[in-house]
C-alpha atoms as a PDB file:
ATOM      1  CA  MET A   1       5.360   2.754  23.507  1.00  0.00           C
ATOM      2  CA  ALA A   2       3.289   2.210  20.381  1.00  0.00           C
ATOM      3  CA  LYS A   3       5.153   2.092  17.060  1.00  0.00           C
ATOM      4  CA  LEU A   4       4.566   2.945  13.419  1.00  0.00           C
ATOM      5  CA  TYR A   5       5.254  -0.023  11.143  1.00  0.00           C
ATOM      6  CA  PHE A   6       5.661   0.126   7.363  1.00  0.00           C
ATOM      7  CA  ARG A   7       5.312  -3.142   5.474  1.00  0.00           C
ATOM      8  CA  TYR A   8       6.100  -2.723   1.791  1.00  0.00           C
ATOM      9  CA  GLY A   9       6.440  -4.963  -1.217  1.00  0.00           C
ATOM     10  CA  ALA A  10       5.812  -5.275  -4.934  1.00  0.00           C
ATOM     11  CA  MET A  11       2.290  -5.830  -6.194  1.00  0.00           C
ATOM     12  CA  GLY A  12       0.845  -9.248  -5.460  1.00  0.00           C
ATOM     13  CA  CYS A  13       3.148  -9.970  -2.504  1.00  0.00           C
ATOM     14  CA  GLY A  14       0.288 -10.378  -0.037  1.00  0.00           C
ATOM     15  CA  LYS A  15       0.303  -7.009   1.756  1.00  0.00           C
ATOM     16  CA  THR A  16      -3.482  -6.837   2.072  1.00  0.00           C
ATOM     17  CA  MET A  17      -3.679 -10.486   3.091  1.00  0.00           C
ATOM     18  CA  GLN A  18      -1.244  -9.778   5.916  1.00  0.00           C
ATOM     19  CA  LEU A  19      -3.289  -6.764   6.985  1.00  0.00           C
ATOM     20  CA  LEU A  20      -6.447  -8.875   7.164  1.00  0.00           C
ATOM     21  CA  GLN A  21      -4.593 -11.566   9.119  1.00  0.00           C
ATOM     22  CA  VAL A  22      -3.429  -8.984  11.669  1.00  0.00           C
ATOM     23  CA  ALA A  23      -6.988  -7.645  11.971  1.00  0.00           C
ATOM     24  CA  PHE A  24      -8.300 -11.180  12.490  1.00  0.00           C
ATOM     25  CA  ASN A  25      -5.688 -11.927  15.164  1.00  0.00           C
ATOM     26  CA  TYR A  26      -6.587  -8.812  17.155  1.00  0.00           C
ATOM     27  CA  GLU A  27     -10.317  -9.388  16.880  1.00  0.00           C
ATOM     28  CA  GLU A  28     -10.064 -13.086  17.729  1.00  0.00           C
ATOM     29  CA  ARG A  29      -8.533 -11.997  21.025  1.00  0.00           C
ATOM     30  CA  GLY A  30     -11.317  -9.519  21.743  1.00  0.00           C
ATOM     31  CA  HIS A  31      -9.577  -6.325  20.594  1.00  0.00           C
ATOM     32  CA  GLN A  32     -10.955  -3.725  18.195  1.00  0.00           C
ATOM     33  CA  VAL A  33      -9.018  -2.471  15.177  1.00  0.00           C
ATOM     34  CA  CYS A  34      -9.570   0.389  12.757  1.00  0.00           C
ATOM     35  CA  VAL A  35      -8.952  -0.529   9.114  1.00  0.00           C
ATOM     36  CA  ILE A  36      -8.520   2.402   6.746  1.00  0.00           C
ATOM     37  CA  LYS A  37      -7.744   2.879   3.071  1.00  0.00           C
ATOM     38  CA  PRO A  38      -7.590   5.771   0.588  1.00  0.00           C
ATOM     39  CA  ALA A  39     -10.751   6.767  -1.244  1.00  0.00           C
ATOM     40  CA  THR A  40      -8.503   6.788  -4.344  1.00  0.00           C
ATOM     41  CA  ASP A  41      -8.732   2.990  -4.372  1.00  0.00           C
ATOM     42  CA  THR A  42     -12.173   2.798  -5.995  1.00  0.00           C
ATOM     43  CA  LYS A  43     -12.094  -0.678  -7.515  1.00  0.00           C
ATOM     44  CA  ASN A  44     -13.684  -2.395  -4.492  1.00  0.00           C
ATOM     45  CA  GLY A  45     -15.766   0.448  -3.077  1.00  0.00           C
ATOM     46  CA  ASP A  46     -15.467   0.596   0.713  1.00  0.00           C
ATOM     47  CA  LYS A  47     -14.123  -2.952   0.914  1.00  0.00           C
ATOM     48  CA  ILE A  48     -10.586  -4.212   1.170  1.00  0.00           C
ATOM     49  CA  LEU A  49     -10.330  -7.215  -1.121  1.00  0.00           C
ATOM     50  CA  THR A  50      -7.422  -9.619  -1.566  1.00  0.00           C
ATOM     51  CA  ARG A  51      -6.483 -11.297  -4.811  1.00  0.00           C
ATOM     52  CA  ILE A  52      -7.203 -14.725  -3.328  1.00  0.00           C
ATOM     53  CA  GLY A  53     -10.622 -13.968  -1.875  1.00  0.00           C
ATOM     54  CA  PRO A  54     -10.764 -12.743   1.751  1.00  0.00           C
ATOM     55  CA  GLU A  55     -12.280  -9.296   2.138  1.00  0.00           C
ATOM     56  CA  ARG A  56     -13.472  -6.852   4.762  1.00  0.00           C
ATOM     57  CA  GLU A  57     -15.328  -3.567   5.079  1.00  0.00           C
ATOM     58  CA  THR A  58     -13.138  -0.608   5.938  1.00  0.00           C
ATOM     59  CA  ASP A  59     -13.812   1.600   8.945  1.00  0.00           C
ATOM     60  CA  LEU A  60     -12.592   4.761   7.216  1.00  0.00           C
ATOM     61  CA  CYS A  61     -11.869   5.757   3.611  1.00  0.00           C
ATOM     62  CA  PHE A  62      -9.685   8.854   3.631  1.00  0.00           C
ATOM     63  CA  THR A  63      -9.079  11.558   1.036  1.00  0.00           C
ATOM     64  CA  LYS A  64      -6.023  13.781   0.740  1.00  0.00           C
ATOM     65  CA  ASP A  65      -7.843  16.330   2.914  1.00  0.00           C
ATOM     66  CA  THR A  66      -8.630  13.937   5.772  1.00  0.00           C
ATOM     67  CA  ASP A  67      -6.903  14.627   9.071  1.00  0.00           C
ATOM     68  CA  ILE A  68      -6.325  11.002  10.031  1.00  0.00           C
ATOM     69  CA  PHE A  69      -5.099  11.819  13.537  1.00  0.00           C
ATOM     70  CA  THR A  70      -8.278  13.755  14.340  1.00  0.00           C
ATOM     71  CA  ALA A  71     -10.477  11.053  12.782  1.00  0.00           C
ATOM     72  CA  ILE A  72      -8.877   8.330  14.914  1.00  0.00           C
ATOM     73  CA  ALA A  73      -8.812  10.456  18.079  1.00  0.00           C
ATOM     74  CA  THR A  74     -12.479  11.383  17.646  1.00  0.00           C
ATOM     75  CA  ASP A  75     -14.089   8.166  16.430  1.00  0.00           C
ATOM     76  CA  PHE A  76     -11.658   5.300  17.101  1.00  0.00           C
ATOM     77  CA  ALA A  77      -9.677   6.262  20.212  1.00  0.00           C
ATOM     78  CA  GLY A  78     -10.424   2.939  21.920  1.00  0.00           C
ATOM     79  CA  VAL A  79      -8.984   0.666  19.234  1.00  0.00           C
ATOM     80  CA  SER A  80      -5.945  -1.523  19.826  1.00  0.00           C
ATOM     81  CA  CYS A  81      -4.412  -0.986  16.382  1.00  0.00           C
ATOM     82  CA  VAL A  82      -4.817   1.105  13.222  1.00  0.00           C
ATOM     83  CA  LEU A  83      -4.244  -0.780   9.954  1.00  0.00           C
ATOM     84  CA  VAL A  84      -3.672   1.177   6.734  1.00  0.00           C
ATOM     85  CA  ASP A  85      -4.016  -0.403   3.283  1.00  0.00           C
ATOM     86  CA  GLU A  86      -2.515   1.210   0.141  1.00  0.00           C
ATOM     87  CA  SER A  87      -0.506   3.548   2.367  1.00  0.00           C
ATOM     88  CA  GLN A  88       1.570   4.813  -0.551  1.00  0.00           C
ATOM     89  CA  PHE A  89      -1.366   7.143  -1.292  1.00  0.00           C
ATOM     90  CA  LEU A  90      -1.029   8.987   2.024  1.00  0.00           C
ATOM     91  CA  THR A  91       0.178  12.561   1.879  1.00  0.00           C
ATOM     92  CA  LYS A  92       3.352  13.462   3.759  1.00  0.00           C
ATOM     93  CA  ALA A  93       1.223  15.198   6.391  1.00  0.00           C
ATOM     94  CA  GLN A  94      -0.969  12.103   6.804  1.00  0.00           C
ATOM     95  CA  ALA A  95       2.076   9.860   7.275  1.00  0.00           C
ATOM     96  CA  ASP A  96       3.176  12.275  10.014  1.00  0.00           C
ATOM     97  CA  GLN A  97      -0.330  12.032  11.511  1.00  0.00           C
ATOM     98  CA  LEU A  98       0.110   8.256  11.761  1.00  0.00           C
ATOM     99  CA  MET A  99       3.242   8.878  13.817  1.00  0.00           C
ATOM    100  CA  GLN A 100       1.283  11.242  16.057  1.00  0.00           C
ATOM    101  CA  ILE A 101      -1.312   8.500  16.610  1.00  0.00           C
ATOM    102  CA  THR A 102       1.441   6.294  18.049  1.00  0.00           C
ATOM    103  CA  ILE A 103       2.893   9.100  20.183  1.00  0.00           C
ATOM    104  CA  GLN A 104      -0.171  10.926  21.483  1.00  0.00           C
ATOM    105  CA  LEU A 105      -2.781   8.137  21.485  1.00  0.00           C
ATOM    106  CA  ASP A 106      -0.371   5.245  22.148  1.00  0.00           C
ATOM    107  CA  ILE A 107      -2.011   3.186  19.401  1.00  0.00           C
ATOM    108  CA  PRO A 108       0.242   1.081  17.134  1.00  0.00           C
ATOM    109  CA  VAL A 109      -0.155   1.734  13.408  1.00  0.00           C
ATOM    110  CA  MET A 110       0.667  -0.800  10.697  1.00  0.00           C
ATOM    111  CA  ALA A 111       0.809   0.660   7.192  1.00  0.00           C
ATOM    112  CA  TYR A 112       0.965  -1.584   4.121  1.00  0.00           C
ATOM    113  CA  GLY A 113       1.836  -0.333   0.652  1.00  0.00           C
ATOM    114  CA  LEU A 114       4.098  -0.044  -2.345  1.00  0.00           C
ATOM    115  CA  ARG A 115       7.550   1.497  -2.002  1.00  0.00           C
ATOM    116  CA  LEU A 116       7.963   2.550  -5.635  1.00  0.00           C
ATOM    117  CA  ASN A 117       5.653   3.626  -8.424  1.00  0.00           C
ATOM    118  CA  PHE A 118       5.779   1.962 -11.830  1.00  0.00           C
ATOM    119  CA  ARG A 119       8.419   4.472 -12.947  1.00  0.00           C
ATOM    120  CA  GLN A 120      10.625   3.164 -10.098  1.00  0.00           C
ATOM    121  CA  GLU A 121      10.806   6.573  -8.400  1.00  0.00           C
ATOM    122  CA  ASP A 122      10.727   6.926  -4.606  1.00  0.00           C
ATOM    123  CA  GLY A 123       9.167  10.378  -4.921  1.00  0.00           C
ATOM    124  CA  GLY A 124       6.340   8.972  -6.995  1.00  0.00           C
ATOM    125  CA  PHE A 125       4.514   7.959  -3.822  1.00  0.00           C
ATOM    126  CA  GLU A 126       4.624  10.699  -1.238  1.00  0.00           C
ATOM    127  CA  GLY A 127       3.224   8.508   1.523  1.00  0.00           C
ATOM    128  CA  ALA A 128       5.663   5.658   0.983  1.00  0.00           C
ATOM    129  CA  THR A 129       8.640   8.010   0.870  1.00  0.00           C
ATOM    130  CA  ARG A 130       7.649   9.598   4.169  1.00  0.00           C
ATOM    131  CA  LEU A 131       6.958   6.253   5.841  1.00  0.00           C
ATOM    132  CA  LEU A 132      10.410   5.029   4.822  1.00  0.00           C
ATOM    133  CA  GLN A 133      11.835   8.123   6.496  1.00  0.00           C
ATOM    134  CA  ILE A 134       9.958   8.017   9.808  1.00  0.00           C
ATOM    135  CA  ALA A 135       8.568   4.534  10.566  1.00  0.00           C
ATOM    136  CA  HIS A 136       9.928   2.810  13.668  1.00  0.00           C
ATOM    137  CA  ASP A 137       9.978  -0.541  11.898  1.00  0.00           C
ATOM    138  CA  ILE A 138      10.273  -1.217   8.150  1.00  0.00           C
ATOM    139  CA  GLU A 139       9.922  -4.648   6.575  1.00  0.00           C
ATOM    140  CA  GLU A 140       9.826  -5.902   3.002  1.00  0.00           C
ATOM    141  CA  ILE A 141       7.180  -8.467   2.062  1.00  0.00           C
ATOM    142  CA  LYS A 142       8.753 -10.506  -0.713  1.00  0.00           C
ATOM    143  CA  THR A 143       7.246 -12.015  -3.841  1.00  0.00           C
ATOM    144  CA  ILE A 144       8.560 -13.591  -7.036  1.00  0.00           C
ATOM    145  CA  CYS A 145       8.719 -12.533 -10.663  1.00  0.00           C
ATOM    146  CA  GLU A 146       7.219 -14.617 -13.460  1.00  0.00           C
ATOM    147  CA  CYS A 147      10.753 -15.934 -14.093  1.00  0.00           C
ATOM    148  CA  GLY A 148      11.055 -17.179 -10.504  1.00  0.00           C
ATOM    149  CA  HIS A 149      13.511 -14.575  -9.201  1.00  0.00           C
ATOM    150  CA  LYS A 150      12.666 -11.988  -6.535  1.00  0.00           C
ATOM    151  CA  ALA A 151      10.303  -9.294  -7.849  1.00  0.00           C
ATOM    152  CA  THR A 152      11.110  -5.760  -6.726  1.00  0.00           C
ATOM    153  CA  MET A 153       9.557  -3.606  -9.459  1.00  0.00           C
ATOM    154  CA  ASN A 154       5.914  -2.658 -10.089  1.00  0.00           C
ATOM    155  CA  CYS A 155       5.251  -2.441 -13.812  1.00  0.00           C
ATOM    156  CA  ARG A 156       2.311  -1.126 -15.785  1.00  0.00           C
ATOM    157  CA  PHE A 157       1.300  -2.792 -19.037  1.00  0.00           C
ATOM    158  CA  LEU A 158      -1.082  -1.315 -21.577  1.00  0.00           C
ATOM    159  CA  ASN A 159      -2.318  -3.662 -24.308  1.00  0.00           C
ATOM    160  CA  ASN A 160       0.328  -6.138 -23.092  1.00  0.00           C
ATOM    161  CA  LYS A 161       3.165  -3.638 -23.614  1.00  0.00           C
ATOM    162  CA  ILE A 162       5.199  -2.179 -20.759  1.00  0.00           C
ATOM    163  CA  VAL A 163       4.799   1.581 -20.238  1.00  0.00           C
ATOM    164  CA  LEU A 164       7.090   3.865 -18.255  1.00  0.00           C
ATOM    165  CA  ASP A 165       5.093   7.079 -18.125  1.00  0.00           C
ATOM    166  CA  GLY A 166       1.606   8.272 -17.235  1.00  0.00           C
ATOM    167  CA  PRO A 167      -0.237   9.197 -14.028  1.00  0.00           C
ATOM    168  CA  ASP A 168       0.622   7.382 -10.795  1.00  0.00           C
ATOM    169  CA  VAL A 169      -3.018   6.579 -10.096  1.00  0.00           C
ATOM    170  CA  LEU A 170      -4.601   4.510 -12.837  1.00  0.00           C
ATOM    171  CA  ILE A 171      -6.700   1.769 -11.278  1.00  0.00           C
ATOM    172  CA  ASP A 172      -6.775  -1.529 -13.149  1.00  0.00           C
ATOM    173  CA  GLY A 173      -9.968  -3.408 -13.890  1.00  0.00           C
ATOM    174  CA  THR A 174     -10.048  -3.155 -17.671  1.00  0.00           C
ATOM    175  CA  SER A 175      -8.579  -5.585 -20.164  1.00  0.00           C
ATOM    176  CA  LYS A 176      -6.150  -2.921 -21.399  1.00  0.00           C
ATOM    177  CA  ILE A 177      -4.384  -2.030 -18.136  1.00  0.00           C
ATOM    178  CA  GLU A 178      -2.424  -4.602 -16.145  1.00  0.00           C
ATOM    179  CA  TYR A 179       0.129  -4.415 -13.344  1.00  0.00           C
ATOM    180  CA  ARG A 180       2.864  -6.993 -12.802  1.00  0.00           C
ATOM    181  CA  ALA A 181       5.586  -7.445 -10.214  1.00  0.00           C
ATOM    182  CA  LEU A 182       8.850  -8.148 -12.031  1.00  0.00           C
ATOM    183  CA  CYS A 183      12.563  -8.495 -11.374  1.00  0.00           C
ATOM    184  CA  PRO A 184      14.899  -5.912 -12.966  1.00  0.00           C
ATOM    185  CA  ALA A 185      16.067  -8.391 -15.631  1.00  0.00           C
ATOM    186  CA  CYS A 186      12.509  -9.047 -16.844  1.00  0.00           C
ATOM    187  CA  VAL A 187      11.775  -5.315 -16.898  1.00  0.00           C
ATOM    188  CA  GLU A 188      14.741  -4.835 -19.233  1.00  0.00           C
ATOM    189  CA  LYS A 189      13.574  -7.771 -21.354  1.00  0.00           C
ATOM    190  CA  TYR A 190      10.098  -6.254 -21.802  1.00  0.00           C
ATOM    191  CA  LYS A 191      11.562  -2.819 -22.531  1.00  0.00           C
ATOM    192  CA  LYS A 192      13.693  -4.275 -25.326  1.00  0.00           C
ATOM    193  CA  GLU A 193      10.819  -6.347 -26.718  1.00  0.00           C
ATOM    194  CA  ASN A 194       8.502  -3.333 -26.779  1.00  0.00           C
ATOM    195  CA  HIS A 195      11.205  -0.848 -27.851  1.00  0.00           C
ATOM    196  CA  VAL A 196      10.546   1.264 -24.736  1.00  0.00           C
ATOM    197  CA  HIS A 197      13.246   3.557 -23.386  1.00  0.00           C
ATOM    198  CA  SER A 198      13.499   5.034 -19.895  1.00  0.00           C
ATOM    199  CA  ASN A 199      13.308   8.816 -19.643  1.00  0.00           C
END
């Protein structure tokens, strides 16, 4: 039976690189895959781009209104695997549709994304919360903080100062906005340095 996999980790841990490696492995062996990502992720257009260079065109960019099950069943029913980048931006219903792809179409689905938003709230990312609840297999992809310890927290910086509020979706690409993966101790250090208090 096909399974739904959720691979999560802090920013910069290599989630997209792993997705591209899985796609390459399938295709090298003569299998087709369907690579999808949310239309919310506008910084690279229709491409999936890693921080270290490798990239690929997506097969489907979905919005919050997209019925992913129907899209796969209609246009990609013959694929060997569905790979989802930035899966935290799925709606709850879309995460459930990924499960239905594994059950009704017998196609494995591997979803890659963040577990927490920059406010460290599970409910901040509807898709990630639902995937944590229903996925057959859940695995953390680890990365390190700037201090060398394990990074578990996604942090937003504005003008080099940590911020703890604002919209969940604020794509980087300007000199003012930056995201960093940090350990809890470094988050507290930056909060004290910038005189920022949690709500």
